[in-house]
Amino acid sequence: MAIFDINSVIITGTLFVIFGVFLFFDLFKRNERYGYLAYIVALIPVNFLWFLQFDVLGVYLILFILWNLCLLRDLFGVSRKNDPKAINDILLYLVLGVIIQIIITAILPVSIVSMQTNTIPYGFFYFPDIYTVTFGIELWVNQTILFAFRIIASV
């Protein structure tokens, strides 16, 4: 259960606004590539939600939605520019975001034990524990969130 008081709502909203600034950075017409940092900045509000005990599968659903927004933005941006170097930059920042998130899953749950809820350790890393040993779905999993996660992750 997420603990949302007024302070956490304000901080979460601010972090999503910061992500939005990086997402729409190209609208400022500054000819700088800071817009690609949106893949990494998306990790900040998502992991803050995880810290607030938001559903861990819902956290990853939000992360994949934010990354899909970045990919759609870059898909339309690259198709207009026809620049092969831009495609390499997009993939670089996406892979960098994935690597940083994997590193975060090794550090934060060890430091903050409450973040280990509904996760399973794979080596040093804590990922959502969705399936039982017999490949059934765990009881804590919200079926709607799981269905949405499967769709968003496959896009």
Protein backbone atom coordinates (compact mmCIF):
# COMPACT_ATOMS: atom_id res chain seq x y z
CA MET A 1 0.00 0.00 0.00
CA ALA A 2 1.41 3.34 -1.01
CA ILE A 3 1.88 6.03 1.60
CA PHE A 4 0.71 9.23 -0.09
CA ASP A 5 0.63 12.34 2.04
CA ILE A 6 0.69 15.86 0.63
CA ASN A 7 4.49 16.02 0.66
CA SER A 8 4.94 12.81 -1.32
CA VAL A 9 2.31 13.91 -3.84
CA ILE A 10 4.10 17.24 -4.36
CA ILE A 11 7.49 15.56 -4.72
CA THR A 12 6.12 12.93 -7.12
CA GLY A 13 4.40 15.59 -9.21
CA THR A 14 7.56 17.67 -9.32
CA LEU A 15 9.62 14.68 -10.44
CA PHE A 16 7.15 13.92 -13.23
CA VAL A 17 7.26 17.58 -14.32
CA ILE A 18 11.06 17.36 -14.49
CA PHE A 19 10.69 14.24 -16.64
CA GLY A 20 8.24 16.15 -18.85
CA VAL A 21 10.77 18.96 -19.33
CA PHE A 22 13.32 16.46 -20.60
CA LEU A 23 10.67 14.67 -22.67
CA PHE A 24 9.67 17.86 -24.48
CA PHE A 25 13.11 19.49 -24.43
CA ASP A 26 13.20 19.70 -28.23
CA LEU A 27 10.32 22.18 -28.12
CA PHE A 28 12.71 24.74 -26.63
CA LYS A 29 14.67 24.77 -29.95
CA ARG A 30 18.07 24.88 -28.26
CA ASN A 31 19.70 22.36 -30.64
CA GLU A 32 21.11 20.35 -27.73
CA ARG A 33 20.66 16.65 -27.10
CA TYR A 34 19.44 16.86 -23.52
CA GLY A 35 16.11 15.40 -24.60
CA TYR A 36 17.67 11.95 -24.70
CA LEU A 37 18.29 12.17 -20.95
CA ALA A 38 14.55 11.57 -20.51
CA TYR A 39 15.27 7.82 -20.57
CA ILE A 40 17.42 8.23 -17.47
CA VAL A 41 15.32 10.95 -15.79
CA ALA A 42 12.30 8.61 -16.01
CA LEU A 43 13.98 6.46 -13.38
CA ILE A 44 13.78 9.15 -10.70
CA PRO A 45 9.98 9.46 -10.24
CA VAL A 46 9.48 5.74 -10.78
CA ASN A 47 11.95 4.71 -8.10
CA PHE A 48 10.52 7.36 -5.77
CA LEU A 49 7.12 5.69 -6.22
CA TRP A 50 8.76 2.36 -5.42
CA PHE A 51 10.20 3.94 -2.27
CA LEU A 52 6.68 5.07 -1.30
CA GLN A 53 5.54 1.41 -1.36
CA PHE A 54 3.62 1.76 -4.61
CA ASP A 55 2.95 -1.64 -6.19
CA VAL A 56 6.26 -2.84 -7.65
CA LEU A 57 4.60 -4.14 -10.81
CA GLY A 58 2.78 -0.82 -11.15
CA VAL A 59 6.12 0.95 -10.81
CA TYR A 60 7.57 -1.03 -13.69
CA LEU A 61 4.38 -0.43 -15.69
CA ILE A 62 4.82 3.33 -15.24
CA LEU A 63 8.52 3.06 -16.15
CA PHE A 64 7.72 1.22 -19.37
CA ILE A 65 5.00 3.75 -20.21
CA LEU A 66 7.49 6.60 -19.76
CA TRP A 67 10.10 4.82 -21.87
CA ASN A 68 7.50 4.13 -24.56
CA LEU A 69 6.61 7.84 -24.59
CA CYS A 70 10.30 8.63 -25.10
CA LEU A 71 10.58 6.05 -27.87
CA LEU A 72 7.50 7.41 -29.65
CA ARG A 73 8.86 10.94 -29.39
CA ASP A 74 12.20 9.84 -30.78
CA LEU A 75 10.59 7.71 -33.48
CA PHE A 76 8.83 10.74 -34.90
CA GLY A 77 11.87 12.96 -34.35
CA VAL A 78 14.27 10.60 -36.13
CA SER A 79 11.89 10.01 -39.01
CA ARG A 80 11.87 13.76 -39.67
CA LYS A 81 15.64 14.23 -39.42
CA ASN A 82 16.79 11.03 -41.19
CA ASP A 83 19.98 11.01 -39.07
CA PRO A 84 21.55 7.57 -38.40
CA LYS A 85 23.61 8.97 -35.51
CA ALA A 86 20.40 9.92 -33.71
CA ILE A 87 19.26 6.28 -33.76
CA ASN A 88 22.51 5.26 -32.08
CA ASP A 89 22.02 7.95 -29.43
CA ILE A 90 18.47 6.78 -28.75
CA LEU A 91 19.57 3.19 -28.27
CA LEU A 92 22.52 4.28 -26.15
CA TYR A 93 20.35 6.24 -23.71
CA LEU A 94 17.68 3.51 -23.58
CA VAL A 95 20.26 0.83 -22.79
CA LEU A 96 21.92 3.16 -20.29
CA GLY A 97 18.54 3.67 -18.59
CA VAL A 98 17.99 -0.10 -18.40
CA ILE A 99 21.47 -0.66 -16.95
CA ILE A 100 21.01 2.11 -14.36
CA GLN A 101 17.63 0.67 -13.34
CA ILE A 102 19.18 -2.78 -12.89
CA ILE A 103 21.91 -1.25 -10.73
CA ILE A 104 19.27 0.61 -8.71
CA THR A 105 17.44 -2.69 -8.09
CA ALA A 106 20.63 -3.98 -6.49
CA ILE A 107 21.27 -0.95 -4.27
CA LEU A 108 17.96 0.47 -3.03
CA PRO A 109 16.22 -2.70 -1.74
CA VAL A 110 19.27 -3.59 0.34
CA SER A 111 19.40 -0.12 1.88
CA ILE A 112 15.63 0.22 2.31
CA VAL A 113 14.29 -3.18 3.31
CA SER A 114 10.64 -2.23 2.73
CA MET A 115 11.42 -2.04 -1.01
CA GLN A 116 11.96 -5.81 -1.01
CA THR A 117 8.20 -6.37 -0.72
CA ASN A 118 6.86 -8.51 -3.58
CA THR A 119 10.30 -8.86 -5.15
CA ILE A 120 12.59 -11.83 -5.60
CA PRO A 121 16.37 -11.63 -5.55
CA TYR A 122 18.22 -12.73 -8.68
CA GLY A 123 21.81 -12.61 -7.52
CA PHE A 124 22.18 -9.07 -6.20
CA PHE A 125 19.15 -7.67 -8.03
CA TYR A 126 15.53 -7.48 -6.83
CA PHE A 127 12.91 -7.89 -9.55
CA PRO A 128 9.11 -8.24 -9.21
CA ASP A 129 8.02 -11.69 -8.05
CA ILE A 130 5.04 -12.32 -10.31
CA TYR A 131 4.93 -16.10 -10.65
CA THR A 132 4.86 -18.94 -8.14
CA VAL A 133 7.11 -21.99 -8.34
CA THR A 134 4.46 -23.78 -10.42
CA PHE A 135 4.23 -20.78 -12.80
CA GLY A 136 0.93 -19.61 -11.40
CA ILE A 137 0.38 -15.94 -10.70
CA GLU A 138 1.13 -14.75 -7.17
CA LEU A 139 -1.84 -13.69 -5.04
CA TRP A 140 -0.61 -10.09 -4.57
CA VAL A 141 -0.55 -9.42 -8.32
CA ASN A 142 -3.33 -7.21 -9.67
CA GLN A 143 -4.52 -8.90 -12.86
CA THR A 144 -5.30 -5.61 -14.60
CA ILE A 145 -1.86 -4.19 -13.90
CA LEU A 146 -0.24 -7.44 -15.03
CA PHE A 147 -2.23 -7.39 -18.29
CA ALA A 148 -1.35 -3.73 -18.90
CA PHE A 149 2.31 -4.44 -18.10
CA ARG A 150 2.42 -7.29 -20.60
CA ILE A 151 0.94 -5.08 -23.32
CA ILE A 152 3.18 -2.08 -22.62
CA ALA A 153 6.31 -4.23 -22.30
CA SER A 154 5.61 -5.92 -25.62
CA VAL A 155 5.12 -2.60 -27.44
